Amino acid sequence: MRRDPAPVRTGGRLADRAFVLPVAAFFMLTPPILGIFNSRALVFGIPLLHVYCFAVWLVAIVCGGWLARRMVAEGDAAAGEAGPAERS
């Protein structure tokens, strides 16, 4: 007898990612990690530490926007699947 796998809810995965994103960004901006990039190296005349901090911030903002858009789209799709009586 073969059992079909349980349906996977992507909303749970997106919610998990939305939780992990700020935790990961916070971890990437803690002093022990920042110490790795605190050197005299320059990137186009800008200290490496500043480039790293800005890059982490930028990636967190872009990923947060992407996750928010996916979560809204998924919520709209779930509302579209529900009948008119279930929407209110």
PDB file of N, CA and C in Angstrom:
ATOM      1  N   MET A   1       0.839  -1.158   0.000  1.00  0.00           N
ATOM      2  CA  MET A   1       0.000   0.000   0.000  1.00  0.00           C
ATOM      3  C   MET A   1       0.898   1.240   0.000  1.00  0.00           C
ATOM      4  N   ARG A   2       0.631   2.131  -0.925  1.00  0.00           N
ATOM      5  CA  ARG A   2       1.450   3.323  -1.082  1.00  0.00           C
ATOM      6  C   ARG A   2       0.707   4.537  -0.543  1.00  0.00           C
ATOM      7  N   ARG A   3       1.385   5.291   0.303  1.00  0.00           N
ATOM      8  CA  ARG A   3       0.761   6.485   0.872  1.00  0.00           C
ATOM      9  C   ARG A   3       1.310   7.718   0.166  1.00  0.00           C
ATOM     10  N   ASP A   4       0.429   8.641  -0.139  1.00  0.00           N
ATOM     11  CA  ASP A   4       0.857   9.901  -0.730  1.00  0.00           C
ATOM     12  C   ASP A   4       1.458  10.773   0.364  1.00  0.00           C
ATOM     13  N   PRO A   5       2.507  11.516   0.026  1.00  0.00           N
ATOM     14  CA  PRO A   5       3.089  12.399   1.040  1.00  0.00           C
ATOM     15  C   PRO A   5       2.114  13.509   1.402  1.00  0.00           C
ATOM     16  N   ALA A   6       2.252  13.981   2.606  1.00  0.00           N
ATOM     17  CA  ALA A   6       1.385  15.065   3.074  1.00  0.00           C
ATOM     18  C   ALA A   6       1.676  16.317   2.258  1.00  0.00           C
ATOM     19  N   PRO A   7       0.657  17.114   1.980  1.00  0.00           N
ATOM     20  CA  PRO A   7       0.898  18.341   1.230  1.00  0.00           C
ATOM     21  C   PRO A   7       1.783  19.293   2.025  1.00  0.00           C
ATOM     22  N   VAL A   8       2.682  19.951   1.333  1.00  0.00           N
ATOM     23  CA  VAL A   8       3.623  20.855   1.974  1.00  0.00           C
ATOM     24  C   VAL A   8       3.046  22.265   1.937  1.00  0.00           C
ATOM     25  N   ARG A   9       2.953  22.876   3.103  1.00  0.00           N
ATOM     26  CA  ARG A   9       2.493  24.267   3.181  1.00  0.00           C
ATOM     27  C   ARG A   9       3.694  25.173   3.024  1.00  0.00           C
ATOM     28  N   THR A  10       3.705  25.974   1.969  1.00  0.00           N
ATOM     29  CA  THR A  10       4.833  26.881   1.788  1.00  0.00           C
ATOM     30  C   THR A  10       4.721  28.078   2.708  1.00  0.00           C
ATOM     31  N   GLY A  11       3.534  28.385   3.220  1.00  0.00           N
ATOM     32  CA  GLY A  11       3.376  29.506   4.140  1.00  0.00           C
ATOM     33  C   GLY A  11       4.198  29.310   5.396  1.00  0.00           C
ATOM     34  N   GLY A  12       4.263  28.071   5.886  1.00  0.00           N
ATOM     35  CA  GLY A  12       5.079  27.783   7.059  1.00  0.00           C
ATOM     36  C   GLY A  12       6.554  27.990   6.778  1.00  0.00           C
ATOM     37  N   ARG A  13       6.977  27.588   5.589  1.00  0.00           N
ATOM     38  CA  ARG A  13       8.374  27.773   5.220  1.00  0.00           C
ATOM     39  C   ARG A  13       8.713  29.255   5.101  1.00  0.00           C
ATOM     40  N   LEU A  14       7.817  30.021   4.498  1.00  0.00           N
ATOM     41  CA  LEU A  14       8.065  31.450   4.367  1.00  0.00           C
ATOM     42  C   LEU A  14       8.094  32.129   5.730  1.00  0.00           C
ATOM     43  N   ALA A  15       7.217  31.716   6.614  1.00  0.00           N
ATOM     44  CA  ALA A  15       7.201  32.288   7.959  1.00  0.00           C
ATOM     45  C   ALA A  15       8.498  31.937   8.693  1.00  0.00           C
ATOM     46  N   ASP A  16       8.986  30.728   8.498  1.00  0.00           N
ATOM     47  CA  ASP A  16      10.255  30.334   9.109  1.00  0.00           C
ATOM     48  C   ASP A  16      11.397  31.186   8.565  1.00  0.00           C
ATOM     49  N   ARG A  17      11.399  31.390   7.254  1.00  0.00           N
ATOM     50  CA  ARG A  17      12.450  32.213   6.650  1.00  0.00           C
ATOM     51  C   ARG A  17      12.360  33.657   7.144  1.00  0.00           C
ATOM     52  N   ALA A  18      11.131  34.153   7.298  1.00  0.00           N
ATOM     53  CA  ALA A  18      10.946  35.517   7.780  1.00  0.00           C
ATOM     54  C   ALA A  18      11.438  35.647   9.226  1.00  0.00           C
ATOM     55  N   PHE A  19      11.386  34.586   9.988  1.00  0.00           N
ATOM     56  CA  PHE A  19      11.912  34.602  11.356  1.00  0.00           C
ATOM     57  C   PHE A  19      13.437  34.520  11.354  1.00  0.00           C
ATOM     58  N   VAL A  20      13.982  33.696  10.490  1.00  0.00           N
ATOM     59  CA  VAL A  20      15.429  33.463  10.475  1.00  0.00           C
ATOM     60  C   VAL A  20      16.185  34.661   9.905  1.00  0.00           C
ATOM     61  N   LEU A  21      15.585  35.398   8.985  1.00  0.00           N
ATOM     62  CA  LEU A  21      16.286  36.510   8.334  1.00  0.00           C
ATOM     63  C   LEU A  21      16.809  37.553   9.320  1.00  0.00           C
ATOM     64  N   PRO A  22      15.999  38.124  10.206  1.00  0.00           N
ATOM     65  CA  PRO A  22      16.569  39.114  11.131  1.00  0.00           C
ATOM     66  C   PRO A  22      17.543  38.498  12.138  1.00  0.00           C
ATOM     67  N   VAL A  23      17.322  37.241  12.494  1.00  0.00           N
ATOM     68  CA  VAL A  23      18.260  36.571  13.411  1.00  0.00           C
ATOM     69  C   VAL A  23      19.617  36.424  12.733  1.00  0.00           C
ATOM     70  N   ALA A  24      19.610  36.025  11.464  1.00  0.00           N
ATOM     71  CA  ALA A  24      20.869  35.879  10.730  1.00  0.00           C
ATOM     72  C   ALA A  24      21.548  37.230  10.530  1.00  0.00           C
ATOM     73  N   ALA A  25      20.763  38.265  10.211  1.00  0.00           N
ATOM     74  CA  ALA A  25      21.341  39.594  10.032  1.00  0.00           C
ATOM     75  C   ALA A  25      21.949  40.093  11.346  1.00  0.00           C
ATOM     76  N   PHE A  26      21.253  39.856  12.447  1.00  0.00           N
ATOM     77  CA  PHE A  26      21.780  40.242  13.756  1.00  0.00           C
ATOM     78  C   PHE A  26      23.094  39.515  14.036  1.00  0.00           C
ATOM     79  N   PHE A  27      23.113  38.216  13.762  1.00  0.00           N
ATOM     80  CA  PHE A  27      24.327  37.423  13.992  1.00  0.00           C
ATOM     81  C   PHE A  27      25.479  37.935  13.133  1.00  0.00           C
ATOM     82  N   MET A  28      25.192  38.287  11.878  1.00  0.00           N
ATOM     83  CA  MET A  28      26.242  38.759  10.970  1.00  0.00           C
ATOM     84  C   MET A  28      26.793  40.125  11.390  1.00  0.00           C
ATOM     85  N   LEU A  29      26.051  40.846  12.240  1.00  0.00           N
ATOM     86  CA  LEU A  29      26.498  42.174  12.676  1.00  0.00           C
ATOM     87  C   LEU A  29      26.942  42.203  14.140  1.00  0.00           C
ATOM     88  N   THR A  30      27.225  41.038  14.715  1.00  0.00           N
ATOM     89  CA  THR A  30      27.733  40.993  16.081  1.00  0.00           C
ATOM     90  C   THR A  30      29.237  41.269  16.085  1.00  0.00           C
ATOM     91  N   PRO A  31      29.756  41.779  17.197  1.00  0.00           N
ATOM     92  CA  PRO A  31      31.183  42.141  17.243  1.00  0.00           C
ATOM     93  C   PRO A  31      32.167  41.030  16.862  1.00  0.00           C
ATOM     94  N   PRO A  32      31.967  39.766  17.245  1.00  0.00           N
ATOM     95  CA  PRO A  32      32.962  38.766  16.818  1.00  0.00           C
ATOM     96  C   PRO A  32      33.044  38.620  15.296  1.00  0.00           C
ATOM     97  N   ILE A  33      31.918  38.707  14.622  1.00  0.00           N
ATOM     98  CA  ILE A  33      31.927  38.596  13.156  1.00  0.00           C
ATOM     99  C   ILE A  33      32.485  39.878  12.550  1.00  0.00           C
ATOM    100  N   LEU A  34      32.104  41.031  13.100  1.00  0.00           N
ATOM    101  CA  LEU A  34      32.624  42.298  12.585  1.00  0.00           C
ATOM    102  C   LEU A  34      34.138  42.382  12.735  1.00  0.00           C
ATOM    103  N   GLY A  35      34.656  41.758  13.785  1.00  0.00           N
ATOM    104  CA  GLY A  35      36.103  41.764  14.004  1.00  0.00           C
ATOM    105  C   GLY A  35      36.876  41.116  12.867  1.00  0.00           C
ATOM    106  N   ILE A  36      36.257  40.176  12.196  1.00  0.00           N
ATOM    107  CA  ILE A  36      36.913  39.516  11.064  1.00  0.00           C
ATOM    108  C   ILE A  36      37.183  40.531   9.953  1.00  0.00           C
ATOM    109  N   PHE A  37      36.260  41.457   9.765  1.00  0.00           N
ATOM    110  CA  PHE A  37      36.357  42.413   8.670  1.00  0.00           C
ATOM    111  C   PHE A  37      36.977  43.740   9.082  1.00  0.00           C
ATOM    112  N   ASN A  38      37.386  43.869  10.330  1.00  0.00           N
ATOM    113  CA  ASN A  38      37.992  45.096  10.815  1.00  0.00           C
ATOM    114  C   ASN A  38      39.486  45.059  10.512  1.00  0.00           C
ATOM    115  N   SER A  39      39.810  45.407   9.292  1.00  0.00           N
ATOM    116  CA  SER A  39      41.214  45.407   8.867  1.00  0.00           C
ATOM    117  C   SER A  39      41.491  46.696   8.103  1.00  0.00           C
ATOM    118  N   ARG A  40      42.711  46.847   7.688  1.00  0.00           N
ATOM    119  CA  ARG A  40      43.104  48.045   6.952  1.00  0.00           C
ATOM    120  C   ARG A  40      42.799  47.917   5.456  1.00  0.00           C
ATOM    121  N   ALA A  41      42.215  46.845   5.052  1.00  0.00           N
ATOM    122  CA  ALA A  41      41.916  46.648   3.632  1.00  0.00           C
ATOM    123  C   ALA A  41      40.870  47.653   3.163  1.00  0.00           C
ATOM    124  N   LEU A  42      41.044  48.097   1.933  1.00  0.00           N
ATOM    125  CA  LEU A  42      40.122  49.056   1.339  1.00  0.00           C
ATOM    126  C   LEU A  42      39.487  48.458   0.092  1.00  0.00           C
ATOM    127  N   VAL A  43      38.233  48.775  -0.120  1.00  0.00           N
ATOM    128  CA  VAL A  43      37.515  48.373  -1.325  1.00  0.00           C
ATOM    129  C   VAL A  43      37.086  49.667  -2.007  1.00  0.00           C
ATOM    130  N   PHE A  44      37.741  49.982  -3.119  1.00  0.00           N
ATOM    131  CA  PHE A  44      37.491  51.249  -3.819  1.00  0.00           C
ATOM    132  C   PHE A  44      37.639  52.449  -2.879  1.00  0.00           C
ATOM    133  N   GLY A  45      38.597  52.376  -1.978  1.00  0.00           N
ATOM    134  CA  GLY A  45      38.873  53.483  -1.065  1.00  0.00           C
ATOM    135  C   GLY A  45      37.997  53.506   0.182  1.00  0.00           C
ATOM    136  N   ILE A  46      37.122  52.516   0.347  1.00  0.00           N
ATOM    137  CA  ILE A  46      36.224  52.445   1.509  1.00  0.00           C
ATOM    138  C   ILE A  46      36.693  51.291   2.389  1.00  0.00           C
ATOM    139  N   PRO A  47      36.769  51.510   3.702  1.00  0.00           N
ATOM    140  CA  PRO A  47      37.211  50.415   4.590  1.00  0.00           C
ATOM    141  C   PRO A  47      36.323  49.169   4.449  1.00  0.00           C
ATOM    142  N   LEU A  48      36.956  48.019   4.505  1.00  0.00           N
ATOM    143  CA  LEU A  48      36.262  46.746   4.323  1.00  0.00           C
ATOM    144  C   LEU A  48      35.122  46.572   5.326  1.00  0.00           C
ATOM    145  N   LEU A  49      35.306  47.014   6.558  1.00  0.00           N
ATOM    146  CA  LEU A  49      34.264  46.888   7.578  1.00  0.00           C
ATOM    147  C   LEU A  49      32.997  47.631   7.162  1.00  0.00           C
ATOM    148  N   HIS A  50      33.150  48.826   6.607  1.00  0.00           N
ATOM    149  CA  HIS A  50      31.982  49.598   6.176  1.00  0.00           C
ATOM    150  C   HIS A  50      31.288  48.931   4.994  1.00  0.00           C
ATOM    151  N   VAL A  51      32.063  48.406   4.073  1.00  0.00           N
ATOM    152  CA  VAL A  51      31.485  47.699   2.923  1.00  0.00           C
ATOM    153  C   VAL A  51      30.717  46.473   3.403  1.00  0.00           C
ATOM    154  N   TYR A  52      31.301  45.730   4.335  1.00  0.00           N
ATOM    155  CA  TYR A  52      30.641  44.529   4.861  1.00  0.00           C
ATOM    156  C   TYR A  52      29.323  44.884   5.557  1.00  0.00           C
ATOM    157  N   CYS A  53      29.343  45.877   6.428  1.00  0.00           N
ATOM    158  CA  CYS A  53      28.118  46.266   7.142  1.00  0.00           C
ATOM    159  C   CYS A  53      27.025  46.700   6.163  1.00  0.00           C
ATOM    160  N   PHE A  54      27.382  47.509   5.180  1.00  0.00           N
ATOM    161  CA  PHE A  54      26.402  47.958   4.207  1.00  0.00           C
ATOM    162  C   PHE A  54      25.884  46.790   3.377  1.00  0.00           C
ATOM    163  N   ALA A  55      26.759  45.867   3.007  1.00  0.00           N
ATOM    164  CA  ALA A  55      26.337  44.710   2.208  1.00  0.00           C
ATOM    165  C   ALA A  55      25.365  43.822   2.994  1.00  0.00           C
ATOM    166  N   VAL A  56      25.659  43.581   4.267  1.00  0.00           N
ATOM    167  CA  VAL A  56      24.756  42.767   5.092  1.00  0.00           C
ATOM    168  C   VAL A  56      23.402  43.459   5.215  1.00  0.00           C
ATOM    169  N   TRP A  57      23.430  44.764   5.462  1.00  0.00           N
ATOM    170  CA  TRP A  57      22.185  45.529   5.577  1.00  0.00           C
ATOM    171  C   TRP A  57      21.402  45.465   4.273  1.00  0.00           C
ATOM    172  N   LEU A  58      22.073  45.669   3.140  1.00  0.00           N
ATOM    173  CA  LEU A  58      21.408  45.659   1.844  1.00  0.00           C
ATOM    174  C   LEU A  58      20.800  44.292   1.534  1.00  0.00           C
ATOM    175  N   VAL A  59      21.543  43.238   1.781  1.00  0.00           N
ATOM    176  CA  VAL A  59      21.029  41.887   1.526  1.00  0.00           C
ATOM    177  C   VAL A  59      19.832  41.590   2.430  1.00  0.00           C
ATOM    178  N   ALA A  60      19.882  42.021   3.685  1.00  0.00           N
ATOM    179  CA  ALA A  60      18.757  41.795   4.591  1.00  0.00           C
ATOM    180  C   ALA A  60      17.511  42.543   4.116  1.00  0.00           C
ATOM    181  N   ILE A  61      17.662  43.774   3.649  1.00  0.00           N
ATOM    182  CA  ILE A  61      16.532  44.554   3.153  1.00  0.00           C
ATOM    183  C   ILE A  61      15.950  43.920   1.896  1.00  0.00           C
ATOM    184  N   VAL A  62      16.791  43.532   0.960  1.00  0.00           N
ATOM    185  CA  VAL A  62      16.320  42.923  -0.289  1.00  0.00           C
ATOM    186  C   VAL A  62      15.625  41.592   0.000  1.00  0.00           C
ATOM    187  N   CYS A  63      16.213  40.763   0.835  1.00  0.00           N
ATOM    188  CA  CYS A  63      15.592  39.473   1.176  1.00  0.00           C
ATOM    189  C   CYS A  63      14.287  39.676   1.940  1.00  0.00           C
ATOM    190  N   GLY A  64      14.239  40.657   2.822  1.00  0.00           N
ATOM    191  CA  GLY A  64      13.008  40.952   3.544  1.00  0.00           C
ATOM    192  C   GLY A  64      11.899  41.402   2.607  1.00  0.00           C
ATOM    193  N   GLY A  65      12.229  42.243   1.646  1.00  0.00           N
ATOM    194  CA  GLY A  65      11.237  42.671   0.661  1.00  0.00           C
ATOM    195  C   GLY A  65      10.754  41.520  -0.197  1.00  0.00           C
ATOM    196  N   TRP A  66      11.684  40.658  -0.603  1.00  0.00           N
ATOM    197  CA  TRP A  66      11.316  39.494  -1.407  1.00  0.00           C
ATOM    198  C   TRP A  66      10.412  38.556  -0.611  1.00  0.00           C
ATOM    199  N   LEU A  67      10.747  38.308   0.648  1.00  0.00           N
ATOM    200  CA  LEU A  67       9.918  37.448   1.489  1.00  0.00           C
ATOM    201  C   LEU A  67       8.537  38.058   1.713  1.00  0.00           C
ATOM    202  N   ALA A  68       8.490  39.357   1.952  1.00  0.00           N
ATOM    203  CA  ALA A  68       7.203  40.017   2.174  1.00  0.00           C
ATOM    204  C   ALA A  68       6.327  39.907   0.930  1.00  0.00           C
ATOM    205  N   ARG A  69       6.912  40.116  -0.231  1.00  0.00           N
ATOM    206  CA  ARG A  69       6.150  40.007  -1.479  1.00  0.00           C
ATOM    207  C   ARG A  69       5.629  38.591  -1.683  1.00  0.00           C
ATOM    208  N   ARG A  70       6.476  37.605  -1.390  1.00  0.00           N
ATOM    209  CA  ARG A  70       6.040  36.201  -1.540  1.00  0.00           C
ATOM    210  C   ARG A  70       4.924  35.866  -0.551  1.00  0.00           C
ATOM    211  N   MET A  71       5.032  36.368   0.672  1.00  0.00           N
ATOM    212  CA  MET A  71       4.011  36.082   1.677  1.00  0.00           C
ATOM    213  C   MET A  71       2.680  36.734   1.308  1.00  0.00           C
ATOM    214  N   VAL A  72       2.713  37.955   0.777  1.00  0.00           N
ATOM    215  CA  VAL A  72       1.482  38.627   0.356  1.00  0.00           C
ATOM    216  C   VAL A  72       0.872  37.884  -0.826  1.00  0.00           C
ATOM    217  N   ALA A  73       1.697  37.492  -1.787  1.00  0.00           N
ATOM    218  CA  ALA A  73       1.198  36.768  -2.958  1.00  0.00           C
ATOM    219  C   ALA A  73       0.580  35.440  -2.540  1.00  0.00           C
ATOM    220  N   GLU A  74       1.209  34.780  -1.594  1.00  0.00           N
ATOM    221  CA  GLU A  74       0.660  33.501  -1.133  1.00  0.00           C
ATOM    222  C   GLU A  74      -0.652  33.713  -0.384  1.00  0.00           C
ATOM    223  N   GLY A  75      -0.734  34.779   0.395  1.00  0.00           N
ATOM    224  CA  GLY A  75      -1.971  35.089   1.104  1.00  0.00           C
ATOM    225  C   GLY A  75      -3.091  35.420   0.133  1.00  0.00           C
ATOM    226  N   ASP A  76      -2.766  36.157  -0.944  1.00  0.00           N
ATOM    227  CA  ASP A  76      -3.771  36.460  -1.960  1.00  0.00           C
ATOM    228  C   ASP A  76      -4.224  35.202  -2.675  1.00  0.00           C
ATOM    229  N   ALA A  77      -3.288  34.301  -2.951  1.00  0.00           N
ATOM    230  CA  ALA A  77      -3.639  33.049  -3.618  1.00  0.00           C
ATOM    231  C   ALA A  77      -4.530  32.196  -2.716  1.00  0.00           C
ATOM    232  N   ALA A  78      -4.228  32.174  -1.419  1.00  0.00           N
ATOM    233  CA  ALA A  78      -5.053  31.397  -0.485  1.00  0.00           C
ATOM    234  C   ALA A  78      -6.441  32.011  -0.373  1.00  0.00           C
ATOM    235  N   ALA A  79      -6.535  33.342  -0.407  1.00  0.00           N
ATOM    236  CA  ALA A  79      -7.841  34.006  -0.346  1.00  0.00           C
ATOM    237  C   ALA A  79      -8.622  33.740  -1.629  1.00  0.00           C
ATOM    238  N   GLY A  80      -7.925  33.639  -2.761  1.00  0.00           N
ATOM    239  CA  GLY A  80      -8.582  33.343  -4.030  1.00  0.00           C
ATOM    240  C   GLY A  80      -9.131  31.935  -4.073  1.00  0.00           C
ATOM    241  N   GLU A  81      -8.468  31.009  -3.375  1.00  0.00           N
ATOM    242  CA  GLU A  81      -8.932  29.631  -3.337  1.00  0.00           C
ATOM    243  C   GLU A  81     -10.153  29.480  -2.448  1.00  0.00           C
ATOM    244  N   ALA A  82     -10.278  30.335  -1.438  1.00  0.00           N
ATOM    245  CA  ALA A  82     -11.414  30.247  -0.530  1.00  0.00           C
ATOM    246  C   ALA A  82     -12.659  30.744  -1.232  1.00  0.00           C
ATOM    247  N   GLY A  83     -13.757  30.173  -0.905  1.00  0.00           N
ATOM    248  CA  GLY A  83     -15.028  30.600  -1.487  1.00  0.00           C
ATOM    249  C   GLY A  83     -15.448  31.942  -0.941  1.00  0.00           C
ATOM    250  N   PRO A  84     -16.451  32.587  -1.550  1.00  0.00           N
ATOM    251  CA  PRO A  84     -16.898  33.900  -1.075  1.00  0.00           C
ATOM    252  C   PRO A  84     -17.388  33.866   0.372  1.00  0.00           C
ATOM    253  N   ALA A  85     -17.980  32.774   0.808  1.00  0.00           N
ATOM    254  CA  ALA A  85     -18.481  32.693   2.175  1.00  0.00           C
ATOM    255  C   ALA A  85     -17.336  32.607   3.178  1.00  0.00           C
ATOM    256  N   GLU A  86     -16.200  32.033   2.781  1.00  0.00           N
ATOM    257  CA  GLU A  86     -15.075  31.854   3.693  1.00  0.00           C
ATOM    258  C   GLU A  86     -14.228  33.107   3.813  1.00  0.00           C
ATOM    259  N   ARG A  87     -14.326  34.050   2.900  1.00  0.00           N
ATOM    260  CA  ARG A  87     -13.472  35.244   2.905  1.00  0.00           C
ATOM    261  C   ARG A  87     -13.809  36.207   4.028  1.00  0.00           C
ATOM    262  N   SER A  88     -15.086  36.307   4.404  1.00  0.00           N
ATOM    263  CA  SER A  88     -15.439  37.298   5.431  1.00  0.00           C
ATOM    264  C   SER A  88     -15.397  36.753   6.819  1.00  0.00           C
TER     265      SER A  88
END
